[in-house]
């Protein structure tokens, strides 16, 4: 039986390859961890609806609306009911139902500085689901 011995130069090559693999994997993990939210500003909207249409679809059949809208980019037109500037900046659109609204978490505060209550705006955002209200995230105001 012949036993192959690993020479010191082969060991160095193996260590170099392993180090390169670990370094590459570490850089990939670091980049993924520190990646910010994806801006929807330059993405094509999958759907264009009014605030009332969006709420009515979720009210009528939540599971069907989730299949259609969940994690999709939606361009919603509606009237501003309220702007919350706390931990996150939320724009709240009114609907025909006074107990249910469209809540959109905006990407940055500059987006809402020119918005007045009662203004009709178009907001492009990603739909994250329905609680009592339809929730949108990463919103940007479209001129």
N, C-alpha and C. Protein backbone atom coordinates (compact mmCIF):
# COMPACT_ATOMS: atom_id res chain seq x y z
N UNK A 1 0.86 -1.17 0.00
CA UNK A 1 0.00 0.00 0.00
C UNK A 1 0.90 1.23 0.00
N UNK A 2 0.59 2.11 -0.93
CA UNK A 2 1.41 3.30 -1.03
C UNK A 2 0.64 4.47 -0.41
N UNK A 3 1.25 5.15 0.53
CA UNK A 3 0.63 6.27 1.21
C UNK A 3 1.19 7.55 0.61
N UNK A 4 0.29 8.41 0.21
CA UNK A 4 0.72 9.69 -0.36
C UNK A 4 0.96 10.67 0.76
N UNK A 5 2.05 11.31 0.73
CA UNK A 5 2.34 12.32 1.73
C UNK A 5 2.03 13.69 1.14
N UNK A 6 1.49 14.53 2.00
CA UNK A 6 1.20 15.90 1.59
C UNK A 6 2.44 16.72 1.89
N UNK A 7 2.97 17.31 0.85
CA UNK A 7 4.18 18.11 1.03
C UNK A 7 3.82 19.46 1.62
N UNK A 8 4.80 20.16 2.10
CA UNK A 8 4.55 21.46 2.72
C UNK A 8 4.02 22.47 1.70
N UNK A 9 4.42 22.39 0.46
CA UNK A 9 3.90 23.33 -0.55
C UNK A 9 2.43 23.03 -0.85
N UNK A 10 2.01 21.75 -0.81
CA UNK A 10 0.61 21.39 -1.00
C UNK A 10 -0.22 21.89 0.18
N UNK A 11 0.34 21.81 1.40
CA UNK A 11 -0.37 22.31 2.58
C UNK A 11 -0.60 23.80 2.46
N UNK A 12 0.42 24.54 1.99
CA UNK A 12 0.28 25.99 1.83
C UNK A 12 -0.82 26.32 0.83
N UNK A 13 -0.88 25.57 -0.26
CA UNK A 13 -1.93 25.81 -1.26
C UNK A 13 -3.30 25.54 -0.68
N UNK A 14 -3.45 24.46 0.07
CA UNK A 14 -4.74 24.12 0.70
C UNK A 14 -5.14 25.20 1.70
N UNK A 15 -4.19 25.65 2.53
CA UNK A 15 -4.49 26.72 3.50
C UNK A 15 -4.88 28.01 2.79
N UNK A 16 -4.19 28.32 1.69
CA UNK A 16 -4.50 29.53 0.94
C UNK A 16 -5.92 29.46 0.38
N UNK A 17 -6.28 28.31 -0.20
CA UNK A 17 -7.63 28.14 -0.76
C UNK A 17 -8.68 28.24 0.33
N UNK A 18 -8.46 27.58 1.47
CA UNK A 18 -9.41 27.67 2.59
C UNK A 18 -9.55 29.09 3.11
N UNK A 19 -8.43 29.81 3.22
CA UNK A 19 -8.47 31.19 3.69
C UNK A 19 -9.26 32.06 2.71
N UNK A 20 -9.06 31.85 1.42
CA UNK A 20 -9.78 32.63 0.41
C UNK A 20 -11.28 32.34 0.48
N UNK A 21 -11.66 31.09 0.69
CA UNK A 21 -13.08 30.73 0.81
C UNK A 21 -13.69 31.39 2.03
N UNK A 22 -13.02 31.31 3.18
CA UNK A 22 -13.55 31.92 4.40
C UNK A 22 -13.62 33.44 4.29
N UNK A 23 -12.63 34.05 3.68
CA UNK A 23 -12.64 35.50 3.49
C UNK A 23 -13.79 35.91 2.58
N UNK A 24 -13.97 35.20 1.49
CA UNK A 24 -15.08 35.50 0.57
C UNK A 24 -16.44 35.34 1.24
N UNK A 25 -16.59 34.26 2.00
CA UNK A 25 -17.85 34.03 2.70
C UNK A 25 -18.08 35.12 3.76
N UNK A 26 -17.04 35.50 4.44
CA UNK A 26 -17.16 36.56 5.46
C UNK A 26 -17.56 37.89 4.85
N UNK A 27 -16.98 38.24 3.71
CA UNK A 27 -17.35 39.49 3.03
C UNK A 27 -18.80 39.45 2.55
N UNK A 28 -19.23 38.31 2.04
CA UNK A 28 -20.61 38.19 1.59
C UNK A 28 -21.58 38.37 2.77
N UNK A 29 -21.30 37.72 3.90
CA UNK A 29 -22.16 37.84 5.09
C UNK A 29 -22.18 39.28 5.57
N UNK A 30 -21.01 39.93 5.61
CA UNK A 30 -20.93 41.33 6.05
C UNK A 30 -21.78 42.24 5.15
N UNK A 31 -21.67 42.07 3.84
CA UNK A 31 -22.45 42.89 2.91
C UNK A 31 -23.94 42.64 3.04
N UNK A 32 -24.35 41.40 3.19
CA UNK A 32 -25.77 41.09 3.35
C UNK A 32 -26.32 41.68 4.65
N UNK A 33 -25.55 41.60 5.72
CA UNK A 33 -25.99 42.10 7.02
C UNK A 33 -26.14 43.62 6.99
N UNK A 34 -25.26 44.32 6.30
CA UNK A 34 -25.25 45.78 6.29
C UNK A 34 -25.99 46.40 5.11
N UNK A 35 -26.63 45.58 4.33
CA UNK A 35 -27.38 46.10 3.18
C UNK A 35 -28.63 46.82 3.68
N UNK A 36 -28.88 48.00 3.18
CA UNK A 36 -30.05 48.77 3.55
C UNK A 36 -31.28 48.30 2.79
N UNK A 37 -32.41 48.93 3.06
CA UNK A 37 -33.61 48.55 2.34
C UNK A 37 -33.50 48.91 0.86
N UNK A 38 -34.10 48.11 0.03
CA UNK A 38 -34.08 48.34 -1.40
C UNK A 38 -35.03 49.49 -1.72
N UNK A 39 -34.55 50.48 -2.44
CA UNK A 39 -35.39 51.61 -2.81
C UNK A 39 -36.36 51.18 -3.90
N UNK A 40 -37.62 51.51 -3.71
CA UNK A 40 -38.62 51.19 -4.72
C UNK A 40 -38.77 52.31 -5.73
N UNK A 41 -38.06 53.41 -5.52
CA UNK A 41 -38.21 54.59 -6.38
C UNK A 41 -38.00 54.26 -7.85
N UNK A 42 -36.99 53.47 -8.15
CA UNK A 42 -36.68 53.16 -9.55
C UNK A 42 -37.28 51.84 -10.02
N UNK A 43 -38.05 51.18 -9.17
CA UNK A 43 -38.69 49.92 -9.56
C UNK A 43 -40.03 50.21 -10.24
N UNK A 44 -40.39 49.36 -11.16
CA UNK A 44 -41.69 49.45 -11.81
C UNK A 44 -42.76 48.96 -10.85
N UNK A 45 -43.85 49.70 -10.73
CA UNK A 45 -44.95 49.27 -9.86
C UNK A 45 -45.65 48.06 -10.48
N UNK A 46 -45.91 47.06 -9.64
CA UNK A 46 -46.64 45.88 -10.11
C UNK A 46 -48.12 46.18 -10.27
N UNK A 47 -48.63 47.09 -9.42
CA UNK A 47 -50.05 47.45 -9.44
C UNK A 47 -50.19 48.95 -9.16
N UNK A 48 -51.21 49.55 -9.75
CA UNK A 48 -51.54 50.94 -9.48
C UNK A 48 -53.00 50.98 -9.05
N UNK A 49 -53.24 51.41 -7.80
CA UNK A 49 -54.58 51.40 -7.24
C UNK A 49 -54.81 52.65 -6.40
N UNK A 50 -56.08 52.88 -6.06
CA UNK A 50 -56.39 53.93 -5.09
C UNK A 50 -56.37 53.30 -3.71
N UNK A 51 -56.30 54.14 -2.70
CA UNK A 51 -56.31 53.65 -1.32
C UNK A 51 -57.58 52.85 -1.04
N UNK A 52 -58.72 53.34 -1.54
CA UNK A 52 -59.99 52.64 -1.33
C UNK A 52 -60.02 51.28 -2.02
N UNK A 53 -59.52 51.21 -3.26
CA UNK A 53 -59.49 49.93 -3.98
C UNK A 53 -58.64 48.90 -3.24
N UNK A 54 -57.47 49.35 -2.75
CA UNK A 54 -56.57 48.43 -2.05
C UNK A 54 -57.22 47.88 -0.79
N UNK A 55 -57.82 48.75 0.00
CA UNK A 55 -58.49 48.30 1.24
C UNK A 55 -59.67 47.39 0.92
N UNK A 56 -60.45 47.74 -0.09
CA UNK A 56 -61.62 46.91 -0.43
C UNK A 56 -61.21 45.49 -0.83
N UNK A 57 -60.08 45.36 -1.55
CA UNK A 57 -59.63 44.03 -1.94
C UNK A 57 -59.20 43.21 -0.72
N UNK A 58 -58.51 43.84 0.23
CA UNK A 58 -58.12 43.13 1.45
C UNK A 58 -59.33 42.81 2.31
N UNK A 59 -60.30 43.70 2.38
CA UNK A 59 -61.52 43.45 3.14
C UNK A 59 -62.33 42.31 2.54
N UNK A 60 -62.41 42.27 1.23
CA UNK A 60 -63.23 41.26 0.56
C UNK A 60 -62.65 39.86 0.72
N UNK A 61 -61.34 39.70 0.51
CA UNK A 61 -60.71 38.39 0.60
C UNK A 61 -59.23 38.59 0.90
N UNK A 62 -58.88 38.53 2.18
CA UNK A 62 -57.51 38.83 2.60
C UNK A 62 -56.50 37.87 1.99
N UNK A 63 -56.80 36.58 1.94
CA UNK A 63 -55.82 35.63 1.40
C UNK A 63 -55.60 35.85 -0.10
N UNK A 64 -56.65 36.15 -0.83
CA UNK A 64 -56.52 36.44 -2.26
C UNK A 64 -55.73 37.73 -2.48
N UNK A 65 -56.00 38.74 -1.66
CA UNK A 65 -55.27 40.01 -1.78
C UNK A 65 -53.80 39.82 -1.40
N UNK A 66 -53.53 38.99 -0.39
CA UNK A 66 -52.14 38.70 -0.02
C UNK A 66 -51.40 38.04 -1.18
N UNK A 67 -52.04 37.09 -1.85
CA UNK A 67 -51.42 36.43 -3.00
C UNK A 67 -51.09 37.45 -4.09
N UNK A 68 -51.97 38.42 -4.25
CA UNK A 68 -51.81 39.41 -5.31
C UNK A 68 -50.77 40.48 -4.95
N UNK A 69 -50.83 41.01 -3.72
CA UNK A 69 -50.06 42.21 -3.38
C UNK A 69 -48.84 41.99 -2.48
N UNK A 70 -48.82 40.94 -1.69
CA UNK A 70 -47.77 40.77 -0.69
C UNK A 70 -46.38 40.78 -1.33
N UNK A 71 -45.50 41.62 -0.81
CA UNK A 71 -44.12 41.79 -1.29
C UNK A 71 -44.03 42.33 -2.72
N UNK A 72 -45.11 42.91 -3.21
CA UNK A 72 -45.12 43.52 -4.54
C UNK A 72 -45.03 45.04 -4.39
N UNK A 73 -44.53 45.71 -5.42
CA UNK A 73 -44.47 47.17 -5.43
C UNK A 73 -45.82 47.70 -5.92
N UNK A 74 -46.41 48.58 -5.10
CA UNK A 74 -47.74 49.10 -5.37
C UNK A 74 -47.67 50.63 -5.42
N UNK A 75 -48.31 51.22 -6.40
CA UNK A 75 -48.44 52.67 -6.49
C UNK A 75 -49.85 53.01 -6.04
N UNK A 76 -49.96 53.66 -4.88
CA UNK A 76 -51.25 53.94 -4.26
C UNK A 76 -51.52 55.44 -4.31
N UNK A 77 -52.71 55.79 -4.79
CA UNK A 77 -53.15 57.19 -4.79
C UNK A 77 -54.17 57.35 -3.69
N UNK A 78 -53.98 58.38 -2.85
CA UNK A 78 -54.92 58.61 -1.77
C UNK A 78 -54.73 59.97 -1.13
N UNK A 79 -55.64 60.29 -0.22
CA UNK A 79 -55.63 61.56 0.48
C UNK A 79 -54.95 61.36 1.83
N UNK A 80 -54.05 62.29 2.18
CA UNK A 80 -53.30 62.19 3.43
C UNK A 80 -54.21 62.55 4.61
N UNK A 81 -54.31 61.61 5.53
CA UNK A 81 -55.09 61.80 6.75
C UNK A 81 -54.18 62.27 7.89
N UNK A 82 -52.96 61.72 7.92
CA UNK A 82 -52.06 62.01 9.03
C UNK A 82 -50.63 61.66 8.62
N UNK A 83 -49.67 62.35 9.24
CA UNK A 83 -48.26 62.03 9.07
C UNK A 83 -47.67 61.86 10.46
N UNK A 84 -47.15 60.67 10.74
CA UNK A 84 -46.53 60.38 12.05
C UNK A 84 -45.02 60.42 11.89
N UNK A 85 -44.37 61.18 12.78
CA UNK A 85 -42.91 61.27 12.74
C UNK A 85 -42.37 60.86 14.10
N UNK A 86 -42.37 59.58 14.36
CA UNK A 86 -41.84 59.08 15.62
C UNK A 86 -40.59 58.26 15.32
N UNK A 87 -40.55 57.00 15.70
CA UNK A 87 -39.40 56.15 15.39
C UNK A 87 -39.26 55.98 13.88
N UNK A 88 -40.37 55.83 13.21
CA UNK A 88 -40.41 55.74 11.76
C UNK A 88 -41.34 56.84 11.27
N UNK A 89 -41.20 57.17 10.00
CA UNK A 89 -42.09 58.17 9.41
C UNK A 89 -43.20 57.43 8.67
N UNK A 90 -44.43 57.61 9.12
CA UNK A 90 -45.58 56.94 8.52
C UNK A 90 -46.53 57.96 7.91
N UNK A 91 -46.94 57.70 6.68
CA UNK A 91 -47.98 58.48 6.03
C UNK A 91 -49.23 57.63 6.06
N UNK A 92 -50.31 58.22 6.56
CA UNK A 92 -51.57 57.48 6.68
C UNK A 92 -52.56 58.07 5.69
N UNK A 93 -53.10 57.19 4.83
CA UNK A 93 -54.08 57.60 3.83
C UNK A 93 -55.47 57.24 4.32
N UNK A 94 -56.40 58.12 4.05
CA UNK A 94 -57.78 57.82 4.45
C UNK A 94 -58.44 56.91 3.44
N UNK A 95 -59.47 56.21 3.91
CA UNK A 95 -60.26 55.33 3.05
C UNK A 95 -61.74 55.60 3.34
N UNK A 96 -62.62 54.89 2.66
CA UNK A 96 -64.05 55.05 2.89
C UNK A 96 -64.47 54.50 4.25
N UNK A 97 -63.66 53.64 4.85
CA UNK A 97 -63.94 53.07 6.16
C UNK A 97 -63.16 53.88 7.21
N UNK A 98 -63.87 54.59 8.11
CA UNK A 98 -63.16 55.44 9.08
C UNK A 98 -62.31 54.66 10.08
N UNK A 99 -62.49 53.35 10.18
CA UNK A 99 -61.73 52.55 11.14
C UNK A 99 -60.52 51.87 10.49
N UNK A 100 -60.42 51.92 9.17
CA UNK A 100 -59.33 51.25 8.47
C UNK A 100 -58.64 52.24 7.55
N UNK A 101 -57.30 52.11 7.48
CA UNK A 101 -56.52 53.05 6.70
C UNK A 101 -55.41 52.33 5.93
N UNK A 102 -54.70 53.09 5.14
CA UNK A 102 -53.49 52.62 4.48
C UNK A 102 -52.34 53.29 5.22
N UNK A 103 -51.45 52.50 5.81
CA UNK A 103 -50.31 53.04 6.54
C UNK A 103 -49.05 52.72 5.74
N UNK A 104 -48.31 53.77 5.40
CA UNK A 104 -47.10 53.58 4.62
C UNK A 104 -45.90 54.12 5.39
N UNK A 105 -44.98 53.20 5.71
CA UNK A 105 -43.72 53.61 6.34
C UNK A 105 -42.80 54.13 5.24
N UNK A 106 -42.40 55.37 5.38
CA UNK A 106 -41.60 56.03 4.35
C UNK A 106 -40.12 55.72 4.51
N UNK A 107 -39.36 55.83 3.40
CA UNK A 107 -37.92 55.57 3.45
C UNK A 107 -37.18 56.67 4.18
N UNK A 108 -37.59 57.92 3.99
CA UNK A 108 -36.90 59.00 4.70
C UNK A 108 -37.84 60.16 4.97
N UNK A 109 -37.45 60.97 5.94
CA UNK A 109 -38.30 62.06 6.41
C UNK A 109 -38.44 63.17 5.37
N UNK A 110 -37.43 63.35 4.51
CA UNK A 110 -37.50 64.40 3.50
C UNK A 110 -38.69 64.19 2.56
N UNK A 111 -39.12 62.95 2.40
CA UNK A 111 -40.24 62.64 1.52
C UNK A 111 -41.54 63.30 1.98
N UNK A 112 -41.67 63.57 3.27
CA UNK A 112 -42.96 64.04 3.79
C UNK A 112 -42.95 65.50 4.20
N UNK A 113 -41.84 66.20 4.04
CA UNK A 113 -41.76 67.58 4.50
C UNK A 113 -42.69 68.51 3.76
N UNK A 114 -42.98 68.24 2.49
CA UNK A 114 -43.86 69.11 1.70
C UNK A 114 -45.31 68.64 1.68
N UNK A 115 -45.59 67.54 2.34
CA UNK A 115 -46.95 66.98 2.34
C UNK A 115 -47.81 67.69 3.38
N UNK A 116 -49.00 68.06 2.97
CA UNK A 116 -49.97 68.68 3.87
C UNK A 116 -51.15 67.72 4.06
N UNK A 117 -51.77 67.77 5.22
CA UNK A 117 -52.96 66.96 5.45
C UNK A 117 -54.03 67.35 4.44
N UNK A 118 -54.70 66.37 3.87
CA UNK A 118 -55.72 66.62 2.86
C UNK A 118 -55.19 66.59 1.43
N UNK A 119 -53.86 66.59 1.25
CA UNK A 119 -53.28 66.49 -0.09
C UNK A 119 -53.54 65.11 -0.68
N UNK A 120 -53.75 65.06 -1.99
CA UNK A 120 -53.81 63.77 -2.67
C UNK A 120 -52.41 63.49 -3.21
N UNK A 121 -51.87 62.33 -2.86
CA UNK A 121 -50.51 61.97 -3.26
C UNK A 121 -50.50 60.57 -3.85
N UNK A 122 -49.41 60.30 -4.56
CA UNK A 122 -49.14 58.95 -5.05
C UNK A 122 -47.90 58.48 -4.31
N UNK A 123 -48.01 57.31 -3.66
CA UNK A 123 -46.89 56.73 -2.94
C UNK A 123 -46.62 55.35 -3.51
N UNK A 124 -45.35 55.14 -3.86
CA UNK A 124 -44.93 53.81 -4.34
C UNK A 124 -44.24 53.13 -3.18
N UNK A 125 -44.68 51.91 -2.86
CA UNK A 125 -44.14 51.18 -1.71
C UNK A 125 -44.34 49.69 -1.91
N UNK A 126 -43.74 48.93 -1.01
CA UNK A 126 -43.88 47.47 -1.04
C UNK A 126 -44.95 47.08 -0.02
N UNK A 127 -45.89 46.25 -0.43
CA UNK A 127 -46.98 45.82 0.45
C UNK A 127 -46.47 44.74 1.40
N UNK A 128 -46.68 44.98 2.72
CA UNK A 128 -46.22 43.98 3.69
C UNK A 128 -47.38 43.28 4.38
N UNK A 129 -48.63 43.60 4.01
CA UNK A 129 -49.74 42.83 4.54
C UNK A 129 -50.87 43.66 5.09
N UNK A 130 -51.73 42.97 5.82
CA UNK A 130 -52.97 43.57 6.33
C UNK A 130 -53.16 43.17 7.78
N UNK A 131 -53.24 44.14 8.63
CA UNK A 131 -53.61 43.88 10.02
C UNK A 131 -55.03 44.43 10.13
N UNK A 132 -55.26 45.51 10.80
CA UNK A 132 -56.56 46.18 10.67
C UNK A 132 -56.47 47.18 9.53
N UNK A 133 -55.26 47.55 9.19
CA UNK A 133 -54.98 48.48 8.10
C UNK A 133 -54.08 47.77 7.10
N UNK A 134 -54.05 48.30 5.88
CA UNK A 134 -53.08 47.79 4.90
C UNK A 134 -51.75 48.47 5.20
N UNK A 135 -50.69 47.68 5.29
CA UNK A 135 -49.37 48.20 5.66
C UNK A 135 -48.43 48.13 4.45
N UNK A 136 -47.83 49.27 4.15
CA UNK A 136 -46.86 49.39 3.07
C UNK A 136 -45.53 49.84 3.69
N UNK A 137 -44.41 49.43 3.11
CA UNK A 137 -43.09 49.80 3.63
C UNK A 137 -42.20 50.34 2.51
N UNK A 138 -41.12 51.04 2.91
CA UNK A 138 -40.15 51.62 1.98
C UNK A 138 -40.78 52.56 0.99
N UNK A 139 -41.73 53.36 1.46
CA UNK A 139 -42.47 54.25 0.60
C UNK A 139 -41.71 55.46 0.11
N UNK A 140 -42.02 55.86 -1.12
CA UNK A 140 -41.51 57.10 -1.69
C UNK A 140 -42.67 57.82 -2.36
N UNK A 141 -42.68 59.15 -2.22
CA UNK A 141 -43.72 59.95 -2.87
C UNK A 141 -43.34 60.11 -4.33
N UNK A 142 -44.30 59.88 -5.20
CA UNK A 142 -44.09 60.03 -6.64
C UNK A 142 -44.74 61.35 -7.07
N UNK A 143 -43.96 62.16 -7.74
CA UNK A 143 -44.47 63.48 -8.17
C UNK A 143 -45.49 63.34 -9.26
